[in-house]
Structure formats: C-alpha cells, structure tokens
Amino acid sequence: MSDETASTTHEVPIYDDKAHIRGTLDISSAEWITSTEDEDQKGVEIAFVEEYILMRNGAEPEGPVLVFTQAEWDAFVEGAKDGEFDEPW
C-alpha cells in the first residue's frame, strides 16, 4: 500500500446536519458574549459550545440560534473583515 493510499482524508459531508446538531447541543449553560459593551443595547451574542460557535439576537435570547462549525465561523469572520456584509450605501 502506498503512502498516498494509507493517508487518512477528511471528507466534508454533502448535507447540512445543523438541525440535528441544534437538537443535541445543551446551550442552557452557554456563556454568551455580547458584541457591544453597552448593556442597554442588545446586539448579536455568541457562545462557544463543544466544537461549535453559536450566534443569537441578544434582543430575543429565546429566539433561533445559528450554529457554525469552526471553518464556517472562520469564513464568516473573514467575510466581515473584508466588508462582505457592509451596507451598500
């Protein structure tokens, strides 16, 4: 067997299993980090749970929670730094 065939490859699934992940994560003890220092303003909040990064609207903490893998989070942060989400005006 050649070294090439013996090496382990990491395959990315071709489906999004986030619904399953959201259903299994225990976020009850998550430590949410706010995006603003002003406690009166409720902005985006993030938390690190297991190997996932969670994001929610601080104004509606009981609302939906977005789940990101580390690779997805890294891409999101780089996109934000590059201005991909800036207002067009």
C-alpha atoms as a PDB file:
ATOM      1  CA  MET A   1       0.000   0.000   0.000  1.00  0.00           C
ATOM      2  CA  SER A   2       1.445   3.382  -0.936  1.00  0.00           C
ATOM      3  CA  ASP A   3       1.743   6.269   1.498  1.00  0.00           C
ATOM      4  CA  GLU A   4      -0.826   8.110  -0.557  1.00  0.00           C
ATOM      5  CA  THR A   5      -3.479   5.428  -0.093  1.00  0.00           C
ATOM      6  CA  ALA A   6      -2.587   4.898   3.536  1.00  0.00           C
ATOM      7  CA  SER A   7      -3.148   8.531   4.448  1.00  0.00           C
ATOM      8  CA  THR A   8      -6.434   9.458   6.045  1.00  0.00           C
ATOM      9  CA  THR A   9      -8.549  12.056   4.303  1.00  0.00           C
ATOM     10  CA  HIS A  10     -11.201  14.165   5.955  1.00  0.00           C
ATOM     11  CA  GLU A  11     -14.351  14.231   3.880  1.00  0.00           C
ATOM     12  CA  VAL A  12     -16.812  17.064   4.268  1.00  0.00           C
ATOM     13  CA  PRO A  13     -20.422  15.865   4.353  1.00  0.00           C
ATOM     14  CA  ILE A  14     -22.531  16.960   1.403  1.00  0.00           C
ATOM     15  CA  TYR A  15     -25.507  17.732   3.611  1.00  0.00           C
ATOM     16  CA  ASP A  16     -26.152  20.289   6.342  1.00  0.00           C
ATOM     17  CA  ASP A  17     -26.851  18.485   9.600  1.00  0.00           C
ATOM     18  CA  LYS A  18     -27.422  21.640  11.642  1.00  0.00           C
ATOM     19  CA  ALA A  19     -30.965  20.705  12.662  1.00  0.00           C
ATOM     20  CA  HIS A  20     -29.596  17.557  14.273  1.00  0.00           C
ATOM     21  CA  ILE A  21     -26.754  19.487  15.913  1.00  0.00           C
ATOM     22  CA  ARG A  22     -29.088  22.150  17.341  1.00  0.00           C
ATOM     23  CA  GLY A  23     -31.241  19.420  18.808  1.00  0.00           C
ATOM     24  CA  THR A  24     -28.350  17.763  20.627  1.00  0.00           C
ATOM     25  CA  LEU A  25     -26.414  20.774  21.957  1.00  0.00           C
ATOM     26  CA  ASP A  26     -27.012  21.738  25.577  1.00  0.00           C
ATOM     27  CA  ILE A  27     -26.959  25.520  25.467  1.00  0.00           C
ATOM     28  CA  SER A  28     -28.532  26.032  28.900  1.00  0.00           C
ATOM     29  CA  SER A  29     -25.162  26.776  30.486  1.00  0.00           C
ATOM     30  CA  ALA A  30     -23.642  28.588  27.497  1.00  0.00           C
ATOM     31  CA  GLU A  31     -21.738  31.759  28.339  1.00  0.00           C
ATOM     32  CA  TRP A  32     -22.989  34.285  25.820  1.00  0.00           C
ATOM     33  CA  ILE A  33     -20.614  37.057  24.775  1.00  0.00           C
ATOM     34  CA  THR A  34     -22.216  40.290  23.618  1.00  0.00           C
ATOM     35  CA  SER A  35     -20.986  42.292  20.664  1.00  0.00           C
ATOM     36  CA  THR A  36     -21.329  45.597  22.493  1.00  0.00           C
ATOM     37  CA  GLU A  37     -20.087  46.956  25.799  1.00  0.00           C
ATOM     38  CA  ASP A  38     -23.329  48.893  26.294  1.00  0.00           C
ATOM     39  CA  GLU A  39     -25.586  46.612  28.356  1.00  0.00           C
ATOM     40  CA  ASP A  40     -28.680  48.596  27.279  1.00  0.00           C
ATOM     41  CA  GLN A  41     -28.154  47.722  23.627  1.00  0.00           C
ATOM     42  CA  LYS A  42     -28.973  44.150  22.748  1.00  0.00           C
ATOM     43  CA  GLY A  43     -26.787  43.164  19.818  1.00  0.00           C
ATOM     44  CA  VAL A  44     -25.508  39.893  18.472  1.00  0.00           C
ATOM     45  CA  GLU A  45     -24.339  37.366  21.063  1.00  0.00           C
ATOM     46  CA  ILE A  46     -22.024  34.417  20.520  1.00  0.00           C
ATOM     47  CA  ALA A  47     -21.146  31.372  22.608  1.00  0.00           C
ATOM     48  CA  PHE A  48     -18.676  28.528  22.234  1.00  0.00           C
ATOM     49  CA  VAL A  49     -20.269  25.141  22.958  1.00  0.00           C
ATOM     50  CA  GLU A  50     -18.390  21.932  22.296  1.00  0.00           C
ATOM     51  CA  GLU A  51     -16.730  22.402  18.895  1.00  0.00           C
ATOM     52  CA  TYR A  52     -19.403  24.797  17.635  1.00  0.00           C
ATOM     53  CA  ILE A  53     -19.910  28.543  17.676  1.00  0.00           C
ATOM     54  CA  LEU A  54     -23.460  29.728  18.354  1.00  0.00           C
ATOM     55  CA  MET A  55     -24.962  33.096  17.448  1.00  0.00           C
ATOM     56  CA  ARG A  56     -28.240  34.672  18.528  1.00  0.00           C
ATOM     57  CA  ASN A  57     -30.019  38.018  18.685  1.00  0.00           C
ATOM     58  CA  GLY A  58     -29.448  39.442  22.187  1.00  0.00           C
ATOM     59  CA  ALA A  59     -32.782  41.285  21.995  1.00  0.00           C
ATOM     60  CA  GLU A  60     -34.540  37.926  21.577  1.00  0.00           C
ATOM     61  CA  PRO A  61     -32.438  35.390  23.522  1.00  0.00           C
ATOM     62  CA  GLU A  62     -35.205  32.788  23.369  1.00  0.00           C
ATOM     63  CA  GLY A  63     -35.308  33.074  19.571  1.00  0.00           C
ATOM     64  CA  PRO A  64     -33.447  30.993  16.999  1.00  0.00           C
ATOM     65  CA  VAL A  65     -29.777  30.132  17.457  1.00  0.00           C
ATOM     66  CA  LEU A  66     -27.424  29.848  14.490  1.00  0.00           C
ATOM     67  CA  VAL A  67     -24.827  27.070  14.672  1.00  0.00           C
ATOM     68  CA  PHE A  68     -21.438  27.343  12.955  1.00  0.00           C
ATOM     69  CA  THR A  69     -18.566  24.908  12.639  1.00  0.00           C
ATOM     70  CA  GLN A  70     -15.107  26.395  13.207  1.00  0.00           C
ATOM     71  CA  ALA A  71     -14.487  26.514   9.440  1.00  0.00           C
ATOM     72  CA  GLU A  72     -17.816  28.268   8.834  1.00  0.00           C
ATOM     73  CA  TRP A  73     -17.117  30.738  11.644  1.00  0.00           C
ATOM     74  CA  ASP A  74     -13.646  31.497  10.271  1.00  0.00           C
ATOM     75  CA  ALA A  75     -15.162  32.161   6.825  1.00  0.00           C
ATOM     76  CA  PHE A  76     -17.852  34.398   8.380  1.00  0.00           C
ATOM     77  CA  VAL A  77     -15.294  36.428  10.353  1.00  0.00           C
ATOM     78  CA  GLU A  78     -13.035  36.838   7.308  1.00  0.00           C
ATOM     79  CA  GLY A  79     -16.040  37.935   5.243  1.00  0.00           C
ATOM     80  CA  ALA A  80     -16.975  40.507   7.884  1.00  0.00           C
ATOM     81  CA  LYS A  81     -13.394  41.807   7.946  1.00  0.00           C
ATOM     82  CA  ASP A  82     -13.439  42.064   4.139  1.00  0.00           C
ATOM     83  CA  GLY A  83     -16.697  44.069   4.192  1.00  0.00           C
ATOM     84  CA  GLU A  84     -18.918  41.394   2.639  1.00  0.00           C
ATOM     85  CA  PHE A  85     -21.773  42.286   4.998  1.00  0.00           C
ATOM     86  CA  ASP A  86     -21.427  46.092   4.875  1.00  0.00           C
ATOM     87  CA  GLU A  87     -24.423  48.141   3.845  1.00  0.00           C
ATOM     88  CA  PRO A  88     -24.275  49.031   0.132  1.00  0.00           C
ATOM     89  CA  TRP A  89     -24.767  52.758   0.773  1.00  0.00           C
END
